[in-house]
Each structure stands twice: as C-alpha cells, then as structure tokens.
N, C-alpha and C. Protein backbone atom coordinates (compact mmCIF):
# COMPACT_ATOMS: atom_id res chain seq x y z
N MET A 1 16.67 -33.43 -20.32
CA MET A 1 17.50 -32.67 -19.41
C MET A 1 17.35 -33.28 -18.01
N PRO A 2 18.43 -33.50 -17.30
CA PRO A 2 18.34 -34.10 -15.96
C PRO A 2 17.70 -33.13 -14.97
N ALA A 3 17.03 -33.70 -14.00
CA ALA A 3 16.39 -32.89 -12.96
C ALA A 3 17.46 -32.22 -12.11
N ARG A 4 17.19 -31.02 -11.70
CA ARG A 4 18.14 -30.29 -10.87
C ARG A 4 17.93 -30.67 -9.42
N ILE A 5 19.01 -30.98 -8.74
CA ILE A 5 18.93 -31.37 -7.35
C ILE A 5 19.11 -30.12 -6.49
N ILE A 6 18.14 -29.89 -5.61
CA ILE A 6 18.19 -28.73 -4.72
C ILE A 6 18.60 -29.21 -3.34
N SER A 7 19.59 -28.56 -2.78
CA SER A 7 20.09 -28.98 -1.47
C SER A 7 19.08 -28.67 -0.37
N ALA A 8 19.16 -29.43 0.71
CA ALA A 8 18.28 -29.23 1.86
C ALA A 8 18.51 -27.85 2.48
N ARG A 9 19.74 -27.38 2.44
CA ARG A 9 20.04 -26.06 3.00
C ARG A 9 19.32 -24.97 2.21
N ARG A 10 19.31 -25.11 0.91
CA ARG A 10 18.64 -24.12 0.08
C ARG A 10 17.13 -24.12 0.35
N ILE A 11 16.57 -25.29 0.54
CA ILE A 11 15.15 -25.39 0.86
C ILE A 11 14.86 -24.72 2.19
N ARG A 12 15.72 -24.94 3.20
CA ARG A 12 15.52 -24.29 4.51
C ARG A 12 15.59 -22.77 4.37
N ASN A 13 16.52 -22.26 3.56
CA ASN A 13 16.62 -20.82 3.37
C ASN A 13 15.36 -20.26 2.72
N CYS A 14 14.85 -20.94 1.70
CA CYS A 14 13.62 -20.51 1.05
C CYS A 14 12.46 -20.54 2.03
N SER A 15 12.44 -21.56 2.87
CA SER A 15 11.40 -21.69 3.86
C SER A 15 11.45 -20.54 4.86
N ALA A 16 12.63 -20.14 5.27
CA ALA A 16 12.77 -19.03 6.21
C ALA A 16 12.28 -17.73 5.57
N ILE A 17 12.60 -17.52 4.31
CA ILE A 17 12.14 -16.32 3.61
C ILE A 17 10.62 -16.32 3.51
N ALA A 18 10.05 -17.47 3.18
CA ALA A 18 8.59 -17.57 3.08
C ALA A 18 7.93 -17.27 4.42
N ARG A 19 8.49 -17.80 5.53
CA ARG A 19 7.92 -17.52 6.85
C ARG A 19 7.99 -16.04 7.17
N HIS A 20 9.11 -15.40 6.83
CA HIS A 20 9.27 -13.97 7.08
C HIS A 20 8.22 -13.17 6.30
N ASN A 21 8.05 -13.51 5.02
CA ASN A 21 7.06 -12.80 4.21
C ASN A 21 5.65 -13.03 4.72
N LEU A 22 5.36 -14.23 5.19
CA LEU A 22 4.04 -14.53 5.73
C LEU A 22 3.76 -13.70 6.98
N ARG A 23 4.75 -13.57 7.85
CA ARG A 23 4.57 -12.74 9.05
C ARG A 23 4.29 -11.30 8.66
N ARG A 24 4.99 -10.79 7.66
CA ARG A 24 4.77 -9.41 7.21
C ARG A 24 3.37 -9.26 6.63
N ARG A 25 2.92 -10.26 5.88
CA ARG A 25 1.59 -10.18 5.27
C ARG A 25 0.49 -10.26 6.31
N ARG A 26 0.70 -11.02 7.38
CA ARG A 26 -0.31 -11.09 8.43
C ARG A 26 -0.54 -9.71 9.02
N GLY A 27 0.52 -8.97 9.25
CA GLY A 27 0.38 -7.60 9.75
C GLY A 27 -0.39 -6.74 8.78
N LEU A 28 -0.13 -6.91 7.50
CA LEU A 28 -0.85 -6.15 6.48
C LEU A 28 -2.32 -6.53 6.47
N GLY A 29 -2.61 -7.80 6.66
CA GLY A 29 -4.00 -8.24 6.70
C GLY A 29 -4.77 -7.58 7.82
N ASP A 30 -4.14 -7.43 8.99
CA ASP A 30 -4.78 -6.74 10.11
C ASP A 30 -5.08 -5.29 9.74
N GLN A 31 -4.14 -4.65 9.06
CA GLN A 31 -4.35 -3.26 8.66
C GLN A 31 -5.46 -3.16 7.61
N LEU A 32 -5.48 -4.10 6.68
CA LEU A 32 -6.52 -4.07 5.66
C LEU A 32 -7.89 -4.27 6.27
N ARG A 33 -8.01 -5.13 7.26
CA ARG A 33 -9.29 -5.34 7.93
C ARG A 33 -9.73 -4.08 8.68
N SER A 34 -8.77 -3.25 9.07
CA SER A 34 -9.12 -2.06 9.84
C SER A 34 -9.89 -1.03 9.03
N TYR A 35 -9.81 -1.09 7.71
CA TYR A 35 -10.57 -0.11 6.93
C TYR A 35 -11.50 -0.76 5.90
N LYS A 36 -11.93 -1.97 6.15
CA LYS A 36 -12.81 -2.66 5.21
C LYS A 36 -14.19 -2.02 5.12
N ASP A 37 -14.56 -1.19 6.09
CA ASP A 37 -15.88 -0.56 6.08
C ASP A 37 -15.91 0.75 5.31
N LEU A 38 -14.80 1.18 4.75
CA LEU A 38 -14.78 2.45 4.03
C LEU A 38 -15.77 2.50 2.86
N PRO A 39 -15.91 1.45 2.06
CA PRO A 39 -16.92 1.54 1.00
C PRO A 39 -18.34 1.75 1.54
N LYS A 40 -18.65 1.14 2.68
CA LYS A 40 -19.98 1.34 3.27
C LYS A 40 -20.13 2.77 3.80
N GLU A 41 -19.08 3.28 4.42
CA GLU A 41 -19.12 4.63 4.99
C GLU A 41 -19.28 5.69 3.91
N THR A 42 -18.55 5.51 2.81
CA THR A 42 -18.52 6.54 1.77
C THR A 42 -19.55 6.32 0.67
N GLY A 43 -20.02 5.10 0.51
CA GLY A 43 -20.93 4.80 -0.59
C GLY A 43 -20.20 4.74 -1.93
N LYS A 44 -18.88 4.58 -1.87
CA LYS A 44 -18.05 4.53 -3.08
C LYS A 44 -17.39 3.16 -3.20
N SER A 45 -16.89 2.86 -4.39
CA SER A 45 -16.21 1.58 -4.60
C SER A 45 -14.77 1.66 -4.08
N VAL A 46 -14.13 0.52 -3.97
CA VAL A 46 -12.75 0.46 -3.50
C VAL A 46 -11.84 1.23 -4.44
N SER A 47 -12.05 1.09 -5.74
CA SER A 47 -11.19 1.81 -6.69
C SER A 47 -11.39 3.31 -6.58
N GLN A 48 -12.62 3.77 -6.37
CA GLN A 48 -12.87 5.20 -6.21
C GLN A 48 -12.21 5.72 -4.93
N ILE A 49 -12.26 4.94 -3.87
CA ILE A 49 -11.62 5.34 -2.62
C ILE A 49 -10.11 5.44 -2.82
N ALA A 50 -9.52 4.44 -3.48
CA ALA A 50 -8.07 4.44 -3.70
C ALA A 50 -7.64 5.64 -4.54
N LEU A 51 -8.37 5.92 -5.61
CA LEU A 51 -8.01 7.06 -6.45
C LEU A 51 -8.19 8.38 -5.71
N ASN A 52 -9.26 8.50 -4.94
CA ASN A 52 -9.49 9.73 -4.18
C ASN A 52 -8.40 9.93 -3.14
N TRP A 53 -7.99 8.85 -2.49
CA TRP A 53 -6.91 8.94 -1.50
C TRP A 53 -5.61 9.41 -2.17
N LEU A 54 -5.32 8.85 -3.34
CA LEU A 54 -4.12 9.28 -4.06
C LEU A 54 -4.19 10.74 -4.45
N LEU A 55 -5.36 11.20 -4.88
CA LEU A 55 -5.50 12.61 -5.26
C LEU A 55 -5.28 13.56 -4.09
N GLN A 56 -5.52 13.08 -2.87
CA GLN A 56 -5.34 13.93 -1.69
C GLN A 56 -3.93 13.88 -1.12
N ARG A 57 -3.07 13.04 -1.69
CA ARG A 57 -1.68 12.95 -1.23
C ARG A 57 -0.94 14.22 -1.66
N PRO A 58 -0.16 14.83 -0.77
CA PRO A 58 0.52 16.08 -1.12
C PRO A 58 1.61 15.89 -2.18
N THR A 59 2.13 14.69 -2.32
CA THR A 59 3.22 14.48 -3.28
C THR A 59 2.73 13.97 -4.64
N VAL A 60 1.43 13.79 -4.79
CA VAL A 60 0.88 13.30 -6.06
C VAL A 60 0.30 14.48 -6.82
N SER A 61 0.82 14.72 -8.01
CA SER A 61 0.30 15.83 -8.81
C SER A 61 -0.63 15.36 -9.91
N THR A 62 -0.46 14.12 -10.37
CA THR A 62 -1.24 13.62 -11.50
C THR A 62 -1.52 12.14 -11.32
N LEU A 63 -2.70 11.72 -11.71
CA LEU A 63 -3.04 10.30 -11.74
C LEU A 63 -3.28 9.90 -13.19
N ILE A 64 -2.71 8.81 -13.57
CA ILE A 64 -2.98 8.25 -14.90
C ILE A 64 -3.80 6.99 -14.67
N ILE A 65 -5.03 7.04 -15.10
CA ILE A 65 -5.91 5.90 -14.89
C ILE A 65 -6.00 5.11 -16.19
N GLY A 66 -6.19 3.82 -16.03
CA GLY A 66 -6.34 2.96 -17.20
C GLY A 66 -7.72 2.32 -17.17
N ALA A 67 -8.45 2.52 -18.21
CA ALA A 67 -9.79 1.94 -18.30
C ALA A 67 -9.89 1.18 -19.61
N ARG A 68 -10.41 -0.03 -19.53
CA ARG A 68 -10.56 -0.85 -20.74
C ARG A 68 -11.86 -0.58 -21.46
N ASN A 69 -12.81 -0.02 -20.72
CA ASN A 69 -14.10 0.26 -21.36
C ASN A 69 -14.74 1.47 -20.68
N GLU A 70 -15.88 1.88 -21.20
CA GLU A 70 -16.55 3.07 -20.69
C GLU A 70 -17.00 2.90 -19.24
N THR A 71 -17.41 1.70 -18.87
CA THR A 71 -17.86 1.45 -17.50
C THR A 71 -16.74 1.69 -16.51
N GLN A 72 -15.54 1.18 -16.82
CA GLN A 72 -14.40 1.40 -15.93
C GLN A 72 -14.02 2.88 -15.88
N LEU A 73 -14.11 3.56 -17.01
CA LEU A 73 -13.79 4.99 -17.03
C LEU A 73 -14.76 5.76 -16.15
N ARG A 74 -16.04 5.47 -16.27
CA ARG A 74 -17.03 6.17 -15.43
C ARG A 74 -16.81 5.86 -13.95
N GLU A 75 -16.47 4.62 -13.66
CA GLU A 75 -16.18 4.24 -12.26
C GLU A 75 -15.00 5.04 -11.72
N ASN A 76 -13.93 5.13 -12.50
CA ASN A 76 -12.74 5.86 -12.06
C ASN A 76 -13.02 7.35 -11.91
N LEU A 77 -13.82 7.91 -12.80
CA LEU A 77 -14.15 9.33 -12.71
C LEU A 77 -15.00 9.64 -11.49
N GLY A 78 -15.63 8.63 -10.91
CA GLY A 78 -16.41 8.80 -9.69
C GLY A 78 -15.54 9.07 -8.46
N ALA A 79 -14.22 9.04 -8.63
CA ALA A 79 -13.31 9.34 -7.53
C ALA A 79 -13.14 10.84 -7.31
N VAL A 80 -13.68 11.64 -8.21
CA VAL A 80 -13.54 13.09 -8.16
C VAL A 80 -14.84 13.71 -7.65
N GLY A 81 -14.73 14.84 -6.95
CA GLY A 81 -15.91 15.58 -6.52
C GLY A 81 -16.33 15.30 -5.09
N TRP A 82 -15.57 14.55 -4.36
CA TRP A 82 -15.83 14.27 -2.96
C TRP A 82 -14.49 14.06 -2.27
N SER A 83 -14.47 14.06 -0.95
CA SER A 83 -13.22 13.90 -0.21
C SER A 83 -13.39 12.93 0.94
N LEU A 84 -12.34 12.18 1.19
CA LEU A 84 -12.30 11.31 2.37
C LEU A 84 -12.10 12.18 3.60
N THR A 85 -12.59 11.72 4.75
CA THR A 85 -12.36 12.46 5.99
C THR A 85 -10.92 12.25 6.45
N LYS A 86 -10.48 13.07 7.37
CA LYS A 86 -9.11 12.93 7.89
C LYS A 86 -8.90 11.58 8.56
N ASP A 87 -9.93 11.08 9.24
CA ASP A 87 -9.84 9.78 9.89
C ASP A 87 -9.70 8.65 8.86
N GLN A 88 -10.46 8.73 7.79
CA GLN A 88 -10.37 7.72 6.73
C GLN A 88 -9.00 7.76 6.06
N ILE A 89 -8.48 8.96 5.83
CA ILE A 89 -7.14 9.10 5.23
C ILE A 89 -6.10 8.51 6.16
N ALA A 90 -6.25 8.73 7.46
CA ALA A 90 -5.29 8.18 8.43
C ALA A 90 -5.30 6.66 8.39
N LYS A 91 -6.47 6.04 8.25
CA LYS A 91 -6.55 4.58 8.16
C LYS A 91 -5.82 4.08 6.91
N LEU A 92 -6.03 4.75 5.79
CA LEU A 92 -5.36 4.34 4.55
C LEU A 92 -3.86 4.57 4.63
N ASP A 93 -3.45 5.67 5.24
CA ASP A 93 -2.02 5.94 5.42
C ASP A 93 -1.37 4.85 6.27
N ALA A 94 -2.04 4.44 7.34
CA ALA A 94 -1.48 3.40 8.21
C ALA A 94 -1.37 2.07 7.47
N ALA A 95 -2.36 1.76 6.65
CA ALA A 95 -2.33 0.49 5.92
C ALA A 95 -1.26 0.47 4.85
N SER A 96 -0.92 1.64 4.31
CA SER A 96 0.06 1.67 3.22
C SER A 96 1.48 1.95 3.70
N LYS A 97 1.65 2.16 4.98
CA LYS A 97 2.97 2.46 5.50
C LYS A 97 3.88 1.23 5.40
N VAL A 98 5.07 1.42 4.88
CA VAL A 98 6.03 0.33 4.74
C VAL A 98 7.28 0.62 5.57
N THR A 99 7.93 -0.43 6.00
CA THR A 99 9.18 -0.28 6.73
C THR A 99 10.28 0.03 5.73
N LEU A 100 11.02 1.06 6.00
CA LEU A 100 12.11 1.43 5.10
C LEU A 100 13.27 0.45 5.21
N PRO A 101 14.00 0.22 4.12
CA PRO A 101 15.18 -0.64 4.19
C PRO A 101 16.30 0.04 4.97
N TYR A 102 17.38 -0.70 5.23
CA TYR A 102 18.41 -0.27 6.17
C TYR A 102 18.93 1.15 6.03
N PRO A 103 19.57 1.54 5.00
CA PRO A 103 20.18 2.86 5.16
C PRO A 103 19.15 3.96 5.35
N ASP A 104 17.95 3.77 4.78
CA ASP A 104 16.95 4.82 4.87
C ASP A 104 16.40 4.99 6.28
N TRP A 105 16.03 3.88 6.95
CA TRP A 105 15.48 4.05 8.29
C TRP A 105 16.52 4.61 9.24
N HIS A 106 17.78 4.24 9.05
CA HIS A 106 18.84 4.76 9.91
C HIS A 106 19.05 6.25 9.69
N GLN A 107 19.06 6.66 8.44
CA GLN A 107 19.25 8.08 8.13
C GLN A 107 18.07 8.91 8.60
N ARG A 108 16.86 8.37 8.47
CA ARG A 108 15.68 9.13 8.89
C ARG A 108 15.64 9.32 10.40
N THR A 109 16.15 8.33 11.15
CA THR A 109 16.09 8.45 12.60
C THR A 109 17.32 9.13 13.18
N THR A 110 18.42 9.13 12.45
CA THR A 110 19.66 9.68 12.98
C THR A 110 19.94 11.09 12.50
N PHE A 111 19.73 11.34 11.23
CA PHE A 111 20.09 12.63 10.64
C PHE A 111 18.85 13.42 10.26
N THR A 112 18.00 13.69 11.22
CA THR A 112 16.74 14.37 10.91
C THR A 112 16.95 15.80 10.44
N ASP A 113 18.05 16.42 10.84
CA ASP A 113 18.29 17.78 10.36
C ASP A 113 18.64 17.81 8.88
N ARG A 114 19.24 16.73 8.37
CA ARG A 114 19.61 16.66 6.95
C ARG A 114 18.54 15.98 6.11
N ASN A 115 17.76 15.12 6.71
CA ASN A 115 16.70 14.38 6.01
C ASN A 115 15.37 14.61 6.73
N PRO A 116 14.70 15.71 6.48
CA PRO A 116 13.43 15.94 7.17
C PRO A 116 12.41 14.87 6.75
N PRO A 117 11.45 14.58 7.63
CA PRO A 117 10.44 13.56 7.30
C PRO A 117 9.61 13.97 6.10
N ALA A 118 9.13 12.96 5.37
CA ALA A 118 8.28 13.22 4.21
C ALA A 118 6.93 13.74 4.66
N VAL A 119 6.31 14.50 3.82
CA VAL A 119 5.00 15.08 4.15
C VAL A 119 3.92 14.08 3.93
C-alpha cells in the first residue's frame, strides 16, 4: 500500500491543536501540584481520597468501585468512615473544574434565571 502524503497545512493544524492542549494541561498541572500534600495530611492513599471526595459530592448517590483483588477492595473500602475538610474539598473542586463548551458557558452566564448554577 502506498504511503499517505500529509499536507503541510494539515501538520500545522495538528501542531496548533497540540499546543492548545499542552497549554491546557500546564494549567491542570499547576492545580494538581496545589493538592499533592493531601495524602500526607490525611494519611490516606490517593484512591481513598478520590473516592471519599466523590462520596461527598451532592450529585453523587452511588459509587461503583472495581477491584481486581482483595487488596484493592480493602484499599477502596478505606475511603469510608472519614471526611475531607472543607478546604481539602475546595482544592479538589478547583482541580477538577473544567471550562464548559460554547453554548453551555453562554447560557450559564446569560440566562441564570433559567439555568441556575450546579450545586
């Protein structure tokens, strides 16, 4: 099969997309570094912190965990019976915040009486 020739314009477009994604990831890296001390503060693993944070979300009613063995199951069950502080939750909320795509961000900022903010 002959090799496919990719135009220079297409390469430039891919390059622009890659640069955009890299800029977005750099911002995420800064946010991730902002809460890297949570395992030390809580004495819990990253997975336990993540599961506990999800359990405290007002819109999450159920978590389905997947464990391949008993060790992973015990680790995941360690997310129950304790709570993150409000400050720790705020750090995780900030790190997980995403920019909404076009119609959503416009509707959220323009039509607040019809689209109240999420809890």
